[in-house]
Amino acid sequence: MKMHRKTKGITLIGFAILLCVVGFFAYLAMRLVPMYIEYFGVVKAMNQVRTDGGAASKTLDQIRRDLHFKFDTEYVDNDAVPPSAITLKREAGAATLRIAYEKRVPFVYNLDIVGSFDKSINLTGPGGD
């Protein structure tokens, strides 16, 4: 009497399909991760501006200039955050810095990945004036 053993493992076709799925998600991550690293650099630059002395009393142009200087040290592309995306709102003695922008990254052929980023910080709160 012969005993048949049940074989275990993955077939070549199954491996190819698995490789395609893993490759797709790896490519997606290669496109998304730099976009988010850049966003975290923008947030870090905003917090650095807040901790600088007198940030709440600066004009919008001075804050934009400070931010663009800090963007260089945080590896943020100056074209990624246009000056119109940086706004300063003064209300009831409080100053709020807001950066709202979109980042478009080509993905495949005519498809793009669009990230919409919006961050506000209070310049007169903790760490500010």
Protein backbone atom coordinates (compact mmCIF):
# COMPACT_ATOMS: atom_id res chain seq x y z
CA MET A 1 0.00 0.00 0.00
CA LYS A 2 1.38 3.35 -1.09
CA MET A 3 1.02 6.40 1.12
CA HIS A 4 0.57 9.68 -0.68
CA ARG A 5 2.04 12.68 0.95
CA LYS A 6 0.28 15.98 0.68
CA THR A 7 2.66 18.57 -0.71
CA LYS A 8 2.75 22.03 0.76
CA GLY A 9 3.98 25.22 -0.77
CA ILE A 10 3.19 27.80 -3.37
CA THR A 11 3.00 27.26 -7.11
CA LEU A 12 4.83 29.37 -9.65
CA ILE A 13 1.61 31.13 -10.70
CA GLY A 14 0.71 31.81 -7.07
CA PHE A 15 4.18 33.20 -6.48
CA ALA A 16 3.89 35.47 -9.54
CA ILE A 17 0.53 36.81 -8.35
CA LEU A 18 1.91 37.38 -4.86
CA LEU A 19 4.93 39.15 -6.33
CA CYS A 20 2.66 41.46 -8.36
CA VAL A 21 0.57 42.38 -5.32
CA VAL A 22 3.63 43.02 -3.15
CA GLY A 23 5.26 45.00 -5.97
CA PHE A 24 2.18 47.18 -6.39
CA PHE A 25 2.08 48.09 -2.71
CA ALA A 26 5.84 48.67 -2.64
CA TYR A 27 5.53 51.07 -5.59
CA LEU A 28 2.62 52.82 -3.88
CA ALA A 29 4.70 53.24 -0.72
CA MET A 30 7.63 54.62 -2.74
CA ARG A 31 5.31 57.32 -4.05
CA LEU A 32 3.51 58.12 -0.78
CA VAL A 33 6.32 58.08 1.79
CA PRO A 34 8.29 61.05 0.36
CA MET A 35 5.09 63.11 0.21
CA TYR A 36 4.44 62.51 3.91
CA ILE A 37 8.06 63.06 4.90
CA GLU A 38 7.83 66.44 3.21
CA TYR A 39 4.62 67.21 5.10
CA PHE A 40 6.26 66.33 8.43
CA GLY A 41 9.10 68.68 7.47
CA VAL A 42 6.55 71.46 6.92
CA VAL A 43 5.02 70.79 10.35
CA LYS A 44 8.46 70.80 11.97
CA ALA A 45 9.32 74.12 10.28
CA MET A 46 6.03 75.59 11.53
CA ASN A 47 6.84 74.52 15.09
CA GLN A 48 10.34 76.01 14.78
CA VAL A 49 8.85 79.33 13.68
CA ARG A 50 6.49 79.20 16.66
CA THR A 51 9.32 78.64 19.12
CA ASP A 52 11.38 81.49 17.66
CA GLY A 53 11.05 84.67 19.66
CA GLY A 54 8.45 87.19 18.54
CA ALA A 55 6.72 84.96 15.99
CA ALA A 56 3.26 86.28 16.88
CA SER A 57 4.26 89.89 16.18
CA LYS A 58 5.93 89.23 12.80
CA THR A 59 4.30 90.13 9.52
CA LEU A 60 3.11 87.50 7.08
CA ASP A 61 6.03 88.20 4.73
CA GLN A 62 8.54 87.75 7.56
CA ILE A 63 6.95 84.45 8.55
CA ARG A 64 6.95 83.25 4.93
CA ARG A 65 10.64 84.16 4.64
CA ASP A 66 11.44 82.32 7.90
CA LEU A 67 9.46 79.28 6.79
CA HIS A 68 11.16 79.07 3.40
CA PHE A 69 14.55 79.30 5.12
CA LYS A 70 13.56 76.45 7.45
CA PHE A 71 12.12 74.45 4.54
CA ASP A 72 15.65 74.23 3.12
CA THR A 73 16.94 72.60 6.31
CA GLU A 74 13.96 70.20 6.44
CA TYR A 75 14.33 69.10 2.78
CA VAL A 76 11.00 70.61 1.77
CA ASP A 77 10.76 71.70 -1.85
CA ASN A 78 9.93 75.42 -1.96
CA ASP A 79 7.69 74.80 -4.98
CA ALA A 80 5.63 72.28 -2.98
CA VAL A 81 4.33 74.99 -0.65
CA PRO A 82 3.50 78.16 -2.59
CA PRO A 83 3.46 81.48 -0.70
CA SER A 84 -0.31 81.70 -1.18
CA ALA A 85 -0.71 78.49 0.86
CA ILE A 86 0.77 80.19 3.95
CA THR A 87 -1.75 82.38 5.79
CA LEU A 88 -1.71 84.22 9.09
CA LYS A 89 -4.91 85.00 10.95
CA ARG A 90 -4.94 87.49 13.82
CA GLU A 91 -8.04 87.46 15.95
CA ALA A 92 -8.65 88.64 19.52
CA GLY A 93 -4.95 88.94 20.31
CA ALA A 94 -4.14 85.47 18.97
CA ALA A 95 -2.15 84.70 15.84
CA THR A 96 -2.77 81.46 13.95
CA LEU A 97 -0.44 80.23 11.23
CA ARG A 98 -2.03 77.96 8.62
CA ILE A 99 -0.49 76.09 5.72
CA ALA A 100 -2.90 74.38 3.33
CA TYR A 101 -1.59 72.90 0.09
CA GLU A 102 -1.97 69.99 -2.30
CA LYS A 103 0.83 67.77 -3.51
CA ARG A 104 0.39 65.86 -6.77
CA VAL A 105 2.66 62.89 -7.51
CA PRO A 106 2.51 60.94 -10.78
CA PHE A 107 1.61 57.31 -10.17
CA VAL A 108 0.93 55.34 -13.35
CA TYR A 109 0.48 56.67 -16.88
CA ASN A 110 -2.23 59.34 -16.49
CA LEU A 111 -3.07 58.63 -12.84
CA ASP A 112 -1.78 60.87 -10.06
CA ILE A 113 -1.82 60.59 -6.30
CA VAL A 114 -3.07 63.80 -4.72
CA GLY A 115 -2.38 64.59 -1.09
CA SER A 116 -4.25 67.44 0.54
CA PHE A 117 -2.46 68.79 3.60
CA ASP A 118 -3.78 71.36 6.06
CA LYS A 119 -2.08 72.30 9.34
CA SER A 120 -2.74 75.20 11.71
CA ILE A 121 -0.79 76.20 14.79
CA ASN A 122 -1.36 78.91 17.36
CA LEU A 123 1.65 81.24 17.46
CA THR A 124 0.59 82.72 20.79
CA GLY A 125 0.09 79.37 22.54
CA PRO A 126 2.64 77.24 24.39
CA GLY A 127 6.07 77.76 22.89
CA GLY A 128 4.95 80.97 21.21
CA ASP A 129 4.71 84.48 22.66
